[in-house]
Amino acid sequence: MKTTLIALLILATAQFLPGAEKAENYGFKNVEFVQMEGYDLDFVSATVDKDHWRMGTFKFRWNGKNPLRLWGFGFQKDESFQVRFETFSKLVGEKWAEVPVAYCGTGAKLYEFKPNTDYVLRIPLWPYQKSGIRGVVKIGGEKISLISKPFDIALLKQG
């Protein structure tokens, strides 16, 4: 009985320790293979793009021991990587809501990313067409999904 009480006390205390909060899934319905740690995926900027309304630039670093493979169209001339099969979520009131996305066969392939190397990812941000929207992007790879840190979208107009 004494051991049970000690175990319960430890569990109750652990709930209030920093970092002990439940990982946020940001409203994504498919959370299979989601990994929340071991990488950095940070929004840097958005630029006007004639095909996607606007493109987001994200700083990415995989901190694992082995290479990681992500879906995309490959490395561009500027050495950035264009992601594919991304999904989006946005803050609506106080809750996160996934933005529906449908894909067809696009010719995307899996590309390898070395550990402990900095990369620039280019991700279309078409779901965020209003200013002041707080968003999140989820990208997929080989048996892994990575979620960006939440970011705010500033108003950009084509023209």
N, C-alpha and C. Protein backbone atom coordinates (compact mmCIF):
# COMPACT_ATOMS: atom_id res chain seq x y z
N MET A 1 0.83 -1.20 0.00
CA MET A 1 0.00 0.00 0.00
C MET A 1 0.87 1.26 0.00
N LYS A 2 1.94 1.21 0.80
CA LYS A 2 2.85 2.35 0.86
C LYS A 2 3.48 2.62 -0.51
N THR A 3 3.86 1.54 -1.21
CA THR A 3 4.45 1.67 -2.54
C THR A 3 3.46 2.27 -3.52
N THR A 4 2.19 1.87 -3.43
CA THR A 4 1.15 2.41 -4.31
C THR A 4 0.97 3.89 -4.08
N LEU A 5 0.96 4.33 -2.81
CA LEU A 5 0.80 5.75 -2.50
C LEU A 5 1.98 6.57 -3.03
N ILE A 6 3.18 6.03 -2.91
CA ILE A 6 4.37 6.73 -3.41
C ILE A 6 4.28 6.87 -4.94
N ALA A 7 3.87 5.78 -5.62
CA ALA A 7 3.75 5.82 -7.08
C ALA A 7 2.71 6.83 -7.51
N LEU A 8 1.58 6.89 -6.82
CA LEU A 8 0.54 7.87 -7.14
C LEU A 8 1.03 9.29 -6.93
N LEU A 9 1.77 9.51 -5.85
CA LEU A 9 2.32 10.83 -5.57
C LEU A 9 3.30 11.26 -6.66
N ILE A 10 4.14 10.33 -7.12
CA ILE A 10 5.10 10.64 -8.19
C ILE A 10 4.37 10.99 -9.47
N LEU A 11 3.34 10.21 -9.83
CA LEU A 11 2.56 10.50 -11.04
C LEU A 11 1.85 11.84 -10.95
N ALA A 12 1.27 12.14 -9.82
CA ALA A 12 0.56 13.42 -9.65
C ALA A 12 1.54 14.58 -9.74
N THR A 13 2.71 14.44 -9.17
CA THR A 13 3.71 15.50 -9.21
C THR A 13 4.24 15.70 -10.63
N ALA A 14 4.43 14.60 -11.37
CA ALA A 14 4.97 14.69 -12.73
C ALA A 14 4.07 15.48 -13.66
N GLN A 15 2.77 15.48 -13.40
CA GLN A 15 1.85 16.22 -14.24
C GLN A 15 2.08 17.73 -14.18
N PHE A 16 2.70 18.21 -13.14
CA PHE A 16 2.90 19.65 -12.96
C PHE A 16 4.33 20.09 -13.22
N LEU A 17 5.18 19.17 -13.62
CA LEU A 17 6.56 19.54 -13.95
C LEU A 17 6.62 20.22 -15.31
N PRO A 18 7.56 21.14 -15.52
CA PRO A 18 7.70 21.77 -16.83
C PRO A 18 7.93 20.73 -17.91
N GLY A 19 7.26 20.88 -19.04
CA GLY A 19 7.42 19.95 -20.15
C GLY A 19 6.59 18.68 -20.01
N ALA A 20 5.84 18.55 -18.92
CA ALA A 20 5.06 17.34 -18.71
C ALA A 20 3.68 17.42 -19.36
N GLU A 21 3.35 18.59 -19.93
CA GLU A 21 2.04 18.73 -20.54
C GLU A 21 1.91 17.82 -21.76
N LYS A 22 0.68 17.43 -22.09
CA LYS A 22 0.42 16.55 -23.21
C LYS A 22 0.81 17.25 -24.52
N ALA A 23 1.43 16.51 -25.42
CA ALA A 23 1.82 17.08 -26.71
C ALA A 23 0.58 17.49 -27.50
N GLU A 24 0.61 18.65 -28.08
CA GLU A 24 -0.50 19.19 -28.87
C GLU A 24 -0.47 18.58 -30.26
N ASN A 25 -1.63 18.09 -30.76
CA ASN A 25 -1.66 17.56 -32.12
C ASN A 25 -2.22 18.58 -33.11
N TYR A 26 -2.58 19.76 -32.64
CA TYR A 26 -3.02 20.89 -33.48
C TYR A 26 -4.22 20.55 -34.37
N GLY A 27 -5.09 19.67 -33.90
CA GLY A 27 -6.32 19.37 -34.62
C GLY A 27 -6.16 18.43 -35.79
N PHE A 28 -4.96 17.90 -36.03
CA PHE A 28 -4.77 16.98 -37.15
C PHE A 28 -5.46 15.66 -36.85
N LYS A 29 -6.22 15.16 -37.83
CA LYS A 29 -6.94 13.90 -37.67
C LYS A 29 -5.99 12.71 -37.79
N ASN A 30 -5.08 12.75 -38.74
CA ASN A 30 -4.13 11.67 -38.94
C ASN A 30 -2.84 12.01 -38.20
N VAL A 31 -2.65 11.41 -37.05
CA VAL A 31 -1.45 11.71 -36.26
C VAL A 31 -0.51 10.51 -36.21
N GLU A 32 -0.75 9.55 -37.14
CA GLU A 32 0.14 8.40 -37.22
C GLU A 32 1.55 8.87 -37.55
N PHE A 33 2.49 8.33 -36.85
CA PHE A 33 3.91 8.61 -37.06
C PHE A 33 4.32 10.05 -36.71
N VAL A 34 3.46 10.83 -36.04
CA VAL A 34 3.84 12.20 -35.68
C VAL A 34 4.94 12.16 -34.63
N GLN A 35 5.98 12.90 -34.89
CA GLN A 35 7.08 13.05 -33.95
C GLN A 35 7.12 14.51 -33.54
N MET A 36 7.18 14.77 -32.25
CA MET A 36 7.13 16.15 -31.75
C MET A 36 8.51 16.68 -31.35
N GLU A 37 9.49 15.80 -31.22
CA GLU A 37 10.81 16.22 -30.76
C GLU A 37 11.88 15.71 -31.72
N GLY A 38 13.09 16.24 -31.55
CA GLY A 38 14.22 15.76 -32.34
C GLY A 38 14.45 16.52 -33.64
N TYR A 39 13.75 17.64 -33.79
CA TYR A 39 13.91 18.43 -35.00
C TYR A 39 13.48 19.87 -34.73
N ASP A 40 13.88 20.77 -35.63
CA ASP A 40 13.42 22.16 -35.62
C ASP A 40 12.76 22.41 -36.96
N LEU A 41 11.54 22.94 -36.95
CA LEU A 41 10.81 23.30 -38.16
C LEU A 41 10.15 24.64 -37.88
N ASP A 42 10.84 25.72 -38.25
CA ASP A 42 10.44 27.07 -37.88
C ASP A 42 10.13 27.92 -39.11
N PHE A 43 9.01 28.61 -39.07
CA PHE A 43 8.61 29.55 -40.12
C PHE A 43 9.57 30.73 -40.13
N VAL A 44 10.02 31.12 -41.32
CA VAL A 44 10.93 32.25 -41.46
C VAL A 44 10.22 33.41 -42.14
N SER A 45 9.59 33.15 -43.30
CA SER A 45 8.94 34.23 -44.05
C SER A 45 7.98 33.65 -45.07
N ALA A 46 7.19 34.54 -45.67
CA ALA A 46 6.29 34.16 -46.77
C ALA A 46 6.50 35.14 -47.91
N THR A 47 6.48 34.63 -49.12
CA THR A 47 6.63 35.47 -50.29
C THR A 47 5.50 35.18 -51.28
N VAL A 48 5.16 36.17 -52.07
CA VAL A 48 4.13 36.00 -53.10
C VAL A 48 4.61 34.98 -54.12
N ASP A 49 3.69 34.11 -54.55
CA ASP A 49 4.02 33.08 -55.52
C ASP A 49 2.86 32.94 -56.50
N LYS A 50 3.12 33.01 -57.79
CA LYS A 50 2.04 33.00 -58.79
C LYS A 50 1.26 31.69 -58.82
N ASP A 51 1.88 30.57 -58.44
CA ASP A 51 1.21 29.28 -58.49
C ASP A 51 0.50 28.89 -57.19
N HIS A 52 0.97 29.37 -56.07
CA HIS A 52 0.45 28.93 -54.77
C HIS A 52 -0.08 30.07 -53.91
N TRP A 53 -0.28 31.22 -54.44
CA TRP A 53 -0.69 32.43 -53.74
C TRP A 53 0.44 32.97 -52.88
N ARG A 54 1.01 32.13 -52.04
CA ARG A 54 2.23 32.52 -51.32
C ARG A 54 2.99 31.26 -50.91
N MET A 55 4.29 31.38 -50.84
CA MET A 55 5.14 30.28 -50.41
C MET A 55 5.78 30.64 -49.09
N GLY A 56 5.82 29.68 -48.21
CA GLY A 56 6.48 29.87 -46.92
C GLY A 56 7.88 29.30 -46.96
N THR A 57 8.78 30.00 -46.31
CA THR A 57 10.14 29.53 -46.13
C THR A 57 10.28 29.09 -44.69
N PHE A 58 10.75 27.87 -44.48
CA PHE A 58 10.91 27.30 -43.15
C PHE A 58 12.35 26.84 -42.96
N LYS A 59 12.87 27.07 -41.77
CA LYS A 59 14.19 26.58 -41.40
C LYS A 59 13.98 25.19 -40.81
N PHE A 60 14.76 24.20 -41.29
CA PHE A 60 14.59 22.82 -40.83
C PHE A 60 15.92 22.21 -40.44
N ARG A 61 15.91 21.48 -39.33
CA ARG A 61 17.10 20.75 -38.89
C ARG A 61 16.65 19.46 -38.23
N TRP A 62 17.12 18.35 -38.73
CA TRP A 62 16.85 17.04 -38.15
C TRP A 62 17.97 16.71 -37.19
N ASN A 63 17.62 16.40 -35.93
CA ASN A 63 18.62 16.16 -34.90
C ASN A 63 18.81 14.69 -34.57
N GLY A 64 18.28 13.79 -35.42
CA GLY A 64 18.40 12.35 -35.19
C GLY A 64 19.80 11.84 -35.50
N LYS A 65 20.00 10.55 -35.29
CA LYS A 65 21.31 9.94 -35.55
C LYS A 65 21.43 9.46 -37.00
N ASN A 66 20.30 9.08 -37.60
CA ASN A 66 20.28 8.56 -38.97
C ASN A 66 19.59 9.55 -39.90
N PRO A 67 19.86 9.44 -41.20
CA PRO A 67 19.17 10.32 -42.15
C PRO A 67 17.66 10.14 -42.09
N LEU A 68 16.96 11.15 -42.55
CA LEU A 68 15.49 11.19 -42.58
C LEU A 68 15.06 11.36 -44.02
N ARG A 69 13.95 10.73 -44.41
CA ARG A 69 13.45 10.87 -45.79
C ARG A 69 12.09 11.55 -45.76
N LEU A 70 11.98 12.66 -46.52
CA LEU A 70 10.75 13.45 -46.61
C LEU A 70 10.23 13.47 -48.04
N TRP A 71 8.89 13.60 -48.17
CA TRP A 71 8.26 13.71 -49.48
C TRP A 71 8.44 15.10 -50.04
N GLY A 72 8.77 15.18 -51.32
CA GLY A 72 8.89 16.48 -51.94
C GLY A 72 9.22 16.40 -53.41
N PHE A 73 9.46 17.56 -53.99
CA PHE A 73 9.81 17.68 -55.40
C PHE A 73 11.31 17.84 -55.60
N GLY A 74 12.07 17.79 -54.54
CA GLY A 74 13.51 17.86 -54.66
C GLY A 74 14.09 19.22 -54.32
N PHE A 75 15.41 19.27 -54.37
CA PHE A 75 16.14 20.48 -54.06
C PHE A 75 16.16 21.38 -55.28
N GLN A 76 15.86 22.64 -55.07
CA GLN A 76 15.77 23.63 -56.14
C GLN A 76 17.15 24.23 -56.42
N LYS A 77 17.24 25.08 -57.42
CA LYS A 77 18.52 25.72 -57.78
C LYS A 77 19.10 26.53 -56.62
N ASP A 78 18.21 27.12 -55.80
CA ASP A 78 18.70 27.90 -54.65
C ASP A 78 19.00 27.03 -53.43
N GLU A 79 18.99 25.70 -53.61
CA GLU A 79 19.27 24.70 -52.59
C GLU A 79 18.14 24.52 -51.57
N SER A 80 17.02 25.22 -51.75
CA SER A 80 15.87 24.97 -50.88
C SER A 80 15.18 23.70 -51.35
N PHE A 81 14.38 23.12 -50.48
CA PHE A 81 13.67 21.88 -50.78
C PHE A 81 12.18 22.16 -50.82
N GLN A 82 11.52 21.77 -51.92
CA GLN A 82 10.08 21.99 -52.01
C GLN A 82 9.34 20.76 -51.52
N VAL A 83 8.61 20.94 -50.42
CA VAL A 83 7.89 19.87 -49.73
C VAL A 83 6.62 19.50 -50.52
N ARG A 84 6.16 18.24 -50.36
CA ARG A 84 4.88 17.81 -50.93
C ARG A 84 4.13 16.97 -49.90
N PHE A 85 2.84 16.90 -50.07
CA PHE A 85 1.92 16.18 -49.18
C PHE A 85 1.86 16.82 -47.79
N GLU A 86 2.03 18.14 -47.75
CA GLU A 86 1.91 18.89 -46.51
C GLU A 86 0.43 18.99 -46.14
N THR A 87 0.15 19.13 -44.86
CA THR A 87 -1.20 19.40 -44.38
C THR A 87 -1.15 20.60 -43.45
N PHE A 88 -2.30 21.23 -43.25
CA PHE A 88 -2.34 22.50 -42.56
C PHE A 88 -3.37 22.48 -41.44
N SER A 89 -3.14 23.30 -40.45
CA SER A 89 -4.10 23.52 -39.38
C SER A 89 -4.06 25.00 -39.05
N LYS A 90 -5.21 25.54 -38.61
CA LYS A 90 -5.22 26.95 -38.20
C LYS A 90 -6.02 27.11 -36.92
N LEU A 91 -5.68 28.13 -36.20
CA LEU A 91 -6.34 28.41 -34.93
C LEU A 91 -7.66 29.12 -35.22
N VAL A 92 -8.75 28.50 -34.78
CA VAL A 92 -10.09 29.06 -34.95
C VAL A 92 -10.64 29.26 -33.54
N GLY A 93 -10.74 30.53 -33.12
CA GLY A 93 -11.10 30.80 -31.73
C GLY A 93 -9.97 30.33 -30.84
N GLU A 94 -10.26 29.34 -29.99
CA GLU A 94 -9.24 28.80 -29.10
C GLU A 94 -8.86 27.37 -29.45
N LYS A 95 -9.38 26.86 -30.58
CA LYS A 95 -9.11 25.47 -30.96
C LYS A 95 -8.44 25.40 -32.33
N TRP A 96 -7.61 24.39 -32.50
CA TRP A 96 -6.96 24.14 -33.77
C TRP A 96 -7.87 23.32 -34.65
N ALA A 97 -7.95 23.66 -35.94
CA ALA A 97 -8.79 22.95 -36.90
C ALA A 97 -7.95 22.61 -38.14
N GLU A 98 -7.98 21.34 -38.54
CA GLU A 98 -7.26 20.92 -39.74
C GLU A 98 -7.93 21.49 -40.97
N VAL A 99 -7.13 21.92 -41.93
CA VAL A 99 -7.63 22.42 -43.21
C VAL A 99 -7.64 21.24 -44.18
N PRO A 100 -8.79 20.89 -44.77
CA PRO A 100 -8.84 19.74 -45.68
C PRO A 100 -7.96 19.95 -46.91
N VAL A 101 -7.21 18.91 -47.29
CA VAL A 101 -6.34 18.93 -48.46
C VAL A 101 -6.54 17.62 -49.21
N ALA A 102 -6.66 17.67 -50.52
CA ALA A 102 -6.73 16.47 -51.36
C ALA A 102 -5.57 16.50 -52.34
N TYR A 103 -4.98 15.35 -52.59
CA TYR A 103 -3.83 15.28 -53.49
C TYR A 103 -4.08 14.26 -54.59
N CYS A 104 -3.50 14.49 -55.73
CA CYS A 104 -3.51 13.51 -56.82
C CYS A 104 -2.06 13.07 -57.04
N GLY A 105 -1.86 12.17 -57.98
CA GLY A 105 -0.49 11.74 -58.27
C GLY A 105 0.32 12.91 -58.78
N THR A 106 1.40 13.23 -58.12
CA THR A 106 2.12 14.45 -58.44
C THR A 106 3.57 14.23 -58.84
N GLY A 107 4.06 13.03 -58.73
CA GLY A 107 5.46 12.80 -59.04
C GLY A 107 6.41 13.09 -57.89
N ALA A 108 5.87 13.32 -56.70
CA ALA A 108 6.73 13.56 -55.54
C ALA A 108 7.48 12.28 -55.19
N LYS A 109 8.66 12.46 -54.61
CA LYS A 109 9.49 11.32 -54.20
C LYS A 109 10.01 11.57 -52.79
N LEU A 110 10.58 10.52 -52.21
CA LEU A 110 11.23 10.66 -50.91
C LEU A 110 12.67 11.11 -51.13
N TYR A 111 13.09 12.13 -50.37
CA TYR A 111 14.46 12.66 -50.46
C TYR A 111 15.10 12.57 -49.08
N GLU A 112 16.40 12.32 -49.08
CA GLU A 112 17.12 12.13 -47.82
C GLU A 112 17.67 13.44 -47.26
N PHE A 113 17.53 13.58 -45.94
CA PHE A 113 18.06 14.72 -45.19
C PHE A 113 19.04 14.20 -44.15
N LYS A 114 20.25 14.75 -44.17
CA LYS A 114 21.29 14.34 -43.24
C LYS A 114 20.99 14.87 -41.84
N PRO A 115 21.39 14.13 -40.81
CA PRO A 115 21.21 14.64 -39.45
C PRO A 115 22.14 15.84 -39.18
N ASN A 116 21.70 16.69 -38.29
CA ASN A 116 22.49 17.84 -37.82
C ASN A 116 22.98 18.74 -38.95
N THR A 117 22.10 18.93 -39.93
CA THR A 117 22.39 19.79 -41.07
C THR A 117 21.22 20.76 -41.24
N ASP A 118 21.51 22.02 -41.52
CA ASP A 118 20.45 23.01 -41.70
C ASP A 118 19.95 22.99 -43.15
N TYR A 119 18.61 23.05 -43.29
CA TYR A 119 17.97 23.06 -44.60
C TYR A 119 16.93 24.18 -44.64
N VAL A 120 16.59 24.60 -45.86
CA VAL A 120 15.50 25.54 -46.09
C VAL A 120 14.41 24.77 -46.82
N LEU A 121 13.20 24.75 -46.27
CA LEU A 121 12.06 24.10 -46.90
C LEU A 121 11.12 25.15 -47.45
N ARG A 122 10.57 24.90 -48.63
CA ARG A 122 9.58 25.79 -49.26
C ARG A 122 8.24 25.06 -49.24
N ILE A 123 7.23 25.68 -48.61
CA ILE A 123 5.93 25.06 -48.45
C ILE A 123 4.85 26.05 -48.89
N PRO A 124 3.95 25.64 -49.81
CA PRO A 124 2.86 26.55 -50.21
C PRO A 124 1.93 26.81 -49.03
N LEU A 125 1.51 28.05 -48.87
CA LEU A 125 0.67 28.44 -47.74
C LEU A 125 -0.71 28.91 -48.20
N TRP A 126 -1.27 28.30 -49.23
CA TRP A 126 -2.56 28.72 -49.78
C TRP A 126 -3.70 28.73 -48.76
N PRO A 127 -3.70 27.90 -47.70
CA PRO A 127 -4.84 27.97 -46.77
C PRO A 127 -4.88 29.24 -45.93
N TYR A 128 -3.78 29.97 -45.88
CA TYR A 128 -3.70 31.14 -45.02
C TYR A 128 -3.78 32.40 -45.85
N GLN A 129 -4.97 32.74 -46.33
CA GLN A 129 -5.12 33.87 -47.23
C GLN A 129 -5.59 35.14 -46.53
N LYS A 130 -5.70 35.10 -45.22
CA LYS A 130 -6.08 36.30 -44.47
C LYS A 130 -4.95 36.64 -43.50
N SER A 131 -4.84 37.90 -43.17
CA SER A 131 -3.82 38.28 -42.20
C SER A 131 -4.28 37.90 -40.80
N GLY A 132 -3.33 37.77 -39.92
CA GLY A 132 -3.64 37.48 -38.53
C GLY A 132 -3.98 36.03 -38.24
N ILE A 133 -3.84 35.15 -39.20
CA ILE A 133 -4.13 33.74 -38.97
C ILE A 133 -2.92 33.08 -38.33
N ARG A 134 -3.18 32.29 -37.31
CA ARG A 134 -2.13 31.49 -36.68
C ARG A 134 -2.21 30.09 -37.27
N GLY A 135 -1.11 29.60 -37.83
CA GLY A 135 -1.14 28.33 -38.51
C GLY A 135 -0.05 27.37 -38.08
N VAL A 136 -0.21 26.14 -38.55
CA VAL A 136 0.75 25.07 -38.33
C VAL A 136 0.79 24.24 -39.61
N VAL A 137 1.95 23.75 -39.97
CA VAL A 137 2.10 22.87 -41.12
C VAL A 137 2.64 21.53 -40.64
N LYS A 138 2.07 20.45 -41.19
CA LYS A 138 2.57 19.10 -40.91
C LYS A 138 3.13 18.56 -42.23
N ILE A 139 4.36 18.05 -42.19
CA ILE A 139 4.97 17.47 -43.39
C ILE A 139 5.23 15.99 -43.13
N GLY A 140 5.22 15.22 -44.21
CA GLY A 140 5.36 13.78 -44.06
C GLY A 140 6.61 13.24 -44.70
N GLY A 141 7.00 12.08 -44.21
CA GLY A 141 8.15 11.39 -44.75
C GLY A 141 7.96 9.90 -44.65
N GLU A 142 9.05 9.19 -44.66
CA GLU A 142 9.01 7.74 -44.56
C GLU A 142 8.77 7.34 -43.12
N LYS A 143 7.53 6.95 -42.81
CA LYS A 143 7.11 6.54 -41.47
C LYS A 143 7.36 7.61 -40.42
N ILE A 144 7.17 8.88 -40.82
CA ILE A 144 7.33 9.98 -39.87
C ILE A 144 6.53 11.18 -40.37
N SER A 145 5.97 11.92 -39.45
CA SER A 145 5.34 13.22 -39.74
C SER A 145 5.90 14.22 -38.76
N LEU A 146 6.19 15.43 -39.25
CA LEU A 146 6.77 16.49 -38.43
C LEU A 146 5.85 17.69 -38.46
N ILE A 147 5.66 18.33 -37.31
CA ILE A 147 4.77 19.48 -37.20
C ILE A 147 5.59 20.73 -36.89
N SER A 148 5.34 21.80 -37.65
CA SER A 148 6.05 23.06 -37.42
C SER A 148 5.62 23.68 -36.10
N LYS A 149 6.41 24.60 -35.65
CA LYS A 149 5.96 25.43 -34.52
C LYS A 149 4.87 26.36 -35.06
N PRO A 150 3.88 26.73 -34.25
CA PRO A 150 2.84 27.66 -34.71
C PRO A 150 3.46 28.98 -35.19
N PHE A 151 2.85 29.54 -36.23
CA PHE A 151 3.35 30.80 -36.79
C PHE A 151 2.18 31.69 -37.18
N ASP A 152 2.44 33.00 -37.26
CA ASP A 152 1.44 33.97 -37.66
C ASP A 152 1.68 34.39 -39.10
N ILE A 153 0.59 34.52 -39.85
CA ILE A 153 0.67 34.92 -41.25
C ILE A 153 0.33 36.39 -41.38
N ALA A 154 1.23 37.13 -41.99
CA ALA A 154 0.97 38.54 -42.28
C ALA A 154 0.32 38.64 -43.66
N LEU A 155 -0.43 39.68 -43.87
CA LEU A 155 -1.12 39.87 -45.14
C LEU A 155 -0.13 40.13 -46.27
N LEU A 156 -0.24 39.32 -47.32
CA LEU A 156 0.54 39.54 -48.54
C LEU A 156 -0.43 39.57 -49.70
N LYS A 157 -0.27 40.48 -50.62
CA LYS A 157 -1.13 40.54 -51.79
C LYS A 157 -0.30 40.36 -53.04
N GLN A 158 -0.89 39.65 -54.00
CA GLN A 158 -0.21 39.52 -55.29
C GLN A 158 -0.38 40.85 -56.02
N GLY A 159 0.54 41.16 -56.83
CA GLY A 159 0.36 42.40 -57.56
C GLY A 159 1.57 42.89 -58.12
